[in-house]
Amino acid sequence: MAHKIIGFAYSDSNNLSYIKNQLDAIKNAFPNLEIELADENDSRLLHISPNHRKYLPTYMILKNDAYKTHRNGKYTYNQVVEWINSIHGINA
């Protein structure tokens, strides 16, 4: 069961570098978790809302390329790790 976390941010903002840094840190904590960086034009954001652009930055978890859950907003690294640890099937 392959999990992936996608970090979404506006392409023309400093949130993009914030999400990239968070994803790099997440990859260090969860080496088996695939990571991806995406922007506000990615169609997978429609799983959240038709008005998805106002909810960025966003973290989305996929399982076998299917939507599983998401979380909107800025969080500390520890908060994101705790959230990922709470998701069934993702192991550090």
N, C-alpha and C. Protein backbone atom coordinates (compact mmCIF):
# COMPACT_ATOMS: atom_id res chain seq x y z
N MET A 1 0.84 -1.17 0.00
CA MET A 1 0.00 0.00 0.00
C MET A 1 0.88 1.24 0.00
N ALA A 2 0.99 1.87 -1.12
CA ALA A 2 1.87 3.02 -1.27
C ALA A 2 1.16 4.31 -0.91
N HIS A 3 1.73 5.04 0.02
CA HIS A 3 1.21 6.35 0.40
C HIS A 3 2.08 7.43 -0.20
N LYS A 4 1.45 8.55 -0.48
CA LYS A 4 2.14 9.71 -1.02
C LYS A 4 1.58 10.93 -0.33
N ILE A 5 2.46 11.89 -0.03
CA ILE A 5 2.00 13.18 0.48
C ILE A 5 2.35 14.23 -0.57
N ILE A 6 1.37 15.05 -0.87
CA ILE A 6 1.55 16.13 -1.84
C ILE A 6 1.40 17.44 -1.08
N GLY A 7 2.35 18.31 -1.27
CA GLY A 7 2.28 19.64 -0.69
C GLY A 7 1.88 20.63 -1.77
N PHE A 8 0.80 21.34 -1.55
CA PHE A 8 0.30 22.31 -2.52
C PHE A 8 0.53 23.73 -2.01
N ALA A 9 0.97 24.60 -2.89
CA ALA A 9 1.16 26.01 -2.55
C ALA A 9 0.99 26.84 -3.81
N TYR A 10 0.74 28.13 -3.60
CA TYR A 10 0.65 29.04 -4.74
C TYR A 10 2.02 29.13 -5.42
N SER A 11 2.02 29.06 -6.72
CA SER A 11 3.27 29.04 -7.48
C SER A 11 4.04 30.34 -7.39
N ASP A 12 3.37 31.43 -7.08
CA ASP A 12 4.04 32.74 -7.04
C ASP A 12 4.15 33.29 -5.63
N SER A 13 4.35 32.41 -4.64
CA SER A 13 4.42 32.87 -3.26
C SER A 13 5.57 32.21 -2.52
N ASN A 14 5.86 32.74 -1.34
CA ASN A 14 6.89 32.11 -0.52
C ASN A 14 6.38 30.83 0.13
N ASN A 15 5.08 30.57 0.05
CA ASN A 15 4.55 29.30 0.55
C ASN A 15 5.11 28.11 -0.21
N LEU A 16 5.51 28.32 -1.45
CA LEU A 16 6.08 27.23 -2.24
C LEU A 16 7.38 26.74 -1.60
N SER A 17 8.25 27.66 -1.20
CA SER A 17 9.50 27.24 -0.56
C SER A 17 9.23 26.67 0.83
N TYR A 18 8.23 27.20 1.53
CA TYR A 18 7.84 26.66 2.83
C TYR A 18 7.42 25.19 2.70
N ILE A 19 6.52 24.92 1.74
CA ILE A 19 6.05 23.55 1.54
C ILE A 19 7.19 22.64 1.09
N LYS A 20 8.05 23.11 0.21
CA LYS A 20 9.18 22.30 -0.24
C LYS A 20 10.07 21.93 0.94
N ASN A 21 10.37 22.88 1.80
CA ASN A 21 11.19 22.59 2.98
C ASN A 21 10.49 21.59 3.90
N GLN A 22 9.19 21.75 4.08
CA GLN A 22 8.44 20.80 4.90
C GLN A 22 8.48 19.39 4.29
N LEU A 23 8.29 19.31 2.97
CA LEU A 23 8.31 18.00 2.32
C LEU A 23 9.68 17.33 2.43
N ASP A 24 10.74 18.11 2.31
CA ASP A 24 12.09 17.55 2.48
C ASP A 24 12.27 16.99 3.88
N ALA A 25 11.80 17.71 4.88
CA ALA A 25 11.89 17.24 6.26
C ALA A 25 11.02 16.00 6.49
N ILE A 26 9.84 15.99 5.88
CA ILE A 26 8.95 14.83 6.00
C ILE A 26 9.61 13.60 5.38
N LYS A 27 10.27 13.78 4.25
CA LYS A 27 10.95 12.66 3.59
C LYS A 27 12.04 12.08 4.48
N ASN A 28 12.72 12.94 5.24
CA ASN A 28 13.74 12.44 6.17
C ASN A 28 13.11 11.62 7.30
N ALA A 29 11.93 12.03 7.77
CA ALA A 29 11.26 11.32 8.86
C ALA A 29 10.54 10.07 8.38
N PHE A 30 10.07 10.09 7.13
CA PHE A 30 9.31 8.98 6.56
C PHE A 30 9.93 8.60 5.22
N PRO A 31 11.07 7.91 5.22
CA PRO A 31 11.77 7.64 3.96
C PRO A 31 10.97 6.79 2.96
N ASN A 32 9.99 6.04 3.44
CA ASN A 32 9.19 5.21 2.54
C ASN A 32 7.97 5.94 1.98
N LEU A 33 7.74 7.15 2.43
CA LEU A 33 6.60 7.95 1.99
C LEU A 33 7.02 8.78 0.78
N GLU A 34 6.34 8.58 -0.32
CA GLU A 34 6.63 9.37 -1.52
C GLU A 34 6.13 10.79 -1.30
N ILE A 35 6.89 11.76 -1.79
CA ILE A 35 6.49 13.16 -1.65
C ILE A 35 6.42 13.81 -3.02
N GLU A 36 5.61 14.85 -3.10
CA GLU A 36 5.46 15.60 -4.34
C GLU A 36 5.09 17.04 -4.01
N LEU A 37 5.61 17.96 -4.78
CA LEU A 37 5.28 19.36 -4.66
C LEU A 37 4.38 19.75 -5.83
N ALA A 38 3.30 20.47 -5.55
CA ALA A 38 2.35 20.87 -6.60
C ALA A 38 1.88 22.29 -6.33
N ASP A 39 1.24 22.88 -7.34
CA ASP A 39 0.75 24.25 -7.19
C ASP A 39 -0.76 24.30 -7.26
N GLU A 40 -1.28 25.52 -7.26
CA GLU A 40 -2.74 25.74 -7.20
C GLU A 40 -3.49 25.28 -8.44
N ASN A 41 -2.79 24.94 -9.50
CA ASN A 41 -3.45 24.51 -10.73
C ASN A 41 -3.62 23.00 -10.84
N ASP A 42 -3.19 22.27 -9.84
CA ASP A 42 -3.27 20.81 -9.86
C ASP A 42 -4.72 20.36 -9.64
N SER A 43 -5.23 19.53 -10.53
CA SER A 43 -6.64 19.10 -10.47
C SER A 43 -6.95 18.24 -9.25
N ARG A 44 -5.96 17.67 -8.61
CA ARG A 44 -6.23 16.84 -7.43
C ARG A 44 -6.78 17.67 -6.27
N LEU A 45 -6.61 18.96 -6.31
CA LEU A 45 -7.17 19.82 -5.27
C LEU A 45 -8.69 19.83 -5.29
N LEU A 46 -9.29 19.40 -6.37
CA LEU A 46 -10.76 19.36 -6.44
C LEU A 46 -11.35 18.37 -5.45
N HIS A 47 -10.53 17.46 -4.89
CA HIS A 47 -11.02 16.56 -3.84
C HIS A 47 -11.41 17.34 -2.59
N ILE A 48 -10.83 18.52 -2.44
CA ILE A 48 -11.09 19.33 -1.25
C ILE A 48 -12.33 20.20 -1.45
N SER A 49 -12.32 20.97 -2.54
CA SER A 49 -13.40 21.92 -2.77
C SER A 49 -13.24 22.55 -4.15
N PRO A 50 -14.34 22.94 -4.77
CA PRO A 50 -14.21 23.68 -6.02
C PRO A 50 -13.48 25.01 -5.82
N ASN A 51 -13.50 25.53 -4.59
CA ASN A 51 -12.82 26.78 -4.26
C ASN A 51 -11.47 26.50 -3.58
N HIS A 52 -10.83 25.45 -3.99
CA HIS A 52 -9.61 24.96 -3.34
C HIS A 52 -8.49 25.98 -3.25
N ARG A 53 -8.43 26.93 -4.15
CA ARG A 53 -7.31 27.87 -4.16
C ARG A 53 -7.23 28.73 -2.91
N LYS A 54 -8.34 28.92 -2.23
CA LYS A 54 -8.29 29.75 -1.02
C LYS A 54 -7.81 28.97 0.20
N TYR A 55 -7.58 27.67 0.06
CA TYR A 55 -7.19 26.84 1.19
C TYR A 55 -5.71 26.52 1.24
N LEU A 56 -4.89 27.11 0.40
CA LEU A 56 -3.47 26.77 0.36
C LEU A 56 -2.70 27.55 1.42
N PRO A 57 -1.65 26.96 1.96
CA PRO A 57 -1.03 25.70 1.61
C PRO A 57 -1.84 24.52 2.14
N THR A 58 -1.67 23.39 1.46
CA THR A 58 -2.40 22.17 1.79
C THR A 58 -1.46 20.97 1.68
N TYR A 59 -1.66 20.02 2.59
CA TYR A 59 -1.01 18.72 2.50
C TYR A 59 -2.10 17.71 2.16
N MET A 60 -1.85 16.84 1.20
CA MET A 60 -2.82 15.81 0.83
C MET A 60 -2.13 14.46 0.88
N ILE A 61 -2.82 13.49 1.44
CA ILE A 61 -2.32 12.12 1.49
C ILE A 61 -3.11 11.30 0.48
N LEU A 62 -2.39 10.57 -0.35
CA LEU A 62 -2.98 9.61 -1.28
C LEU A 62 -2.55 8.22 -0.86
N LYS A 63 -3.39 7.26 -1.11
CA LYS A 63 -3.05 5.85 -0.91
C LYS A 63 -3.33 5.15 -2.22
N ASN A 64 -2.29 4.57 -2.80
CA ASN A 64 -2.41 3.94 -4.12
C ASN A 64 -3.02 4.90 -5.13
N ASP A 65 -2.58 6.13 -5.10
CA ASP A 65 -3.01 7.21 -6.00
C ASP A 65 -4.46 7.64 -5.83
N ALA A 66 -5.10 7.22 -4.76
CA ALA A 66 -6.47 7.64 -4.48
C ALA A 66 -6.47 8.56 -3.25
N TYR A 67 -7.30 9.59 -3.28
CA TYR A 67 -7.40 10.53 -2.17
C TYR A 67 -7.72 9.80 -0.87
N LYS A 68 -6.98 10.15 0.19
CA LYS A 68 -7.25 9.59 1.51
C LYS A 68 -7.66 10.67 2.50
N THR A 69 -6.87 11.74 2.62
CA THR A 69 -7.18 12.83 3.54
C THR A 69 -6.32 14.03 3.20
N HIS A 70 -6.62 15.15 3.85
CA HIS A 70 -5.81 16.36 3.63
C HIS A 70 -5.85 17.23 4.88
N ARG A 71 -4.97 18.22 4.85
CA ARG A 71 -4.92 19.20 5.94
C ARG A 71 -4.49 20.53 5.34
N ASN A 72 -5.22 21.58 5.65
CA ASN A 72 -4.93 22.92 5.13
C ASN A 72 -4.21 23.75 6.17
N GLY A 73 -3.33 24.63 5.72
CA GLY A 73 -2.71 25.60 6.60
C GLY A 73 -1.23 25.35 6.83
N LYS A 74 -0.64 26.27 7.57
CA LYS A 74 0.78 26.15 7.94
C LYS A 74 0.87 25.51 9.31
N TYR A 75 1.77 24.56 9.43
CA TYR A 75 1.98 23.84 10.67
C TYR A 75 3.47 23.70 10.92
N THR A 76 3.82 23.49 12.17
CA THR A 76 5.21 23.21 12.46
C THR A 76 5.53 21.81 11.95
N TYR A 77 6.80 21.56 11.82
CA TYR A 77 7.24 20.23 11.39
C TYR A 77 6.69 19.16 12.32
N ASN A 78 6.78 19.39 13.64
CA ASN A 78 6.30 18.40 14.60
C ASN A 78 4.80 18.14 14.46
N GLN A 79 4.03 19.18 14.19
CA GLN A 79 2.58 19.01 14.00
C GLN A 79 2.29 18.16 12.77
N VAL A 80 3.03 18.38 11.70
CA VAL A 80 2.82 17.60 10.48
C VAL A 80 3.21 16.14 10.72
N VAL A 81 4.31 15.90 11.40
CA VAL A 81 4.75 14.53 11.68
C VAL A 81 3.72 13.83 12.55
N GLU A 82 3.20 14.50 13.58
CA GLU A 82 2.16 13.90 14.42
C GLU A 82 0.93 13.55 13.61
N TRP A 83 0.54 14.44 12.70
CA TRP A 83 -0.63 14.19 11.85
C TRP A 83 -0.38 12.97 10.97
N ILE A 84 0.78 12.89 10.34
CA ILE A 84 1.09 11.75 9.48
C ILE A 84 1.11 10.47 10.29
N ASN A 85 1.69 10.50 11.48
CA ASN A 85 1.73 9.32 12.35
C ASN A 85 0.34 8.85 12.75
N SER A 86 -0.63 9.77 12.77
CA SER A 86 -1.99 9.40 13.17
C SER A 86 -2.78 8.73 12.05
N ILE A 87 -2.25 8.74 10.85
CA ILE A 87 -2.96 8.18 9.72
C ILE A 87 -2.66 6.68 9.62
N HIS A 88 -3.69 5.89 9.67
CA HIS A 88 -3.56 4.42 9.65
C HIS A 88 -2.80 3.96 8.41
N GLY A 89 -1.82 3.13 8.61
CA GLY A 89 -1.10 2.52 7.50
C GLY A 89 0.20 3.21 7.13
N ILE A 90 0.47 4.37 7.68
CA ILE A 90 1.73 5.06 7.40
C ILE A 90 2.65 4.84 8.58
N ASN A 91 3.77 4.22 8.32
CA ASN A 91 4.73 3.94 9.37
C ASN A 91 6.02 4.69 9.12
N ALA A 92 6.62 5.18 10.19
CA ALA A 92 7.91 5.88 10.08
C ALA A 92 9.02 4.92 9.71
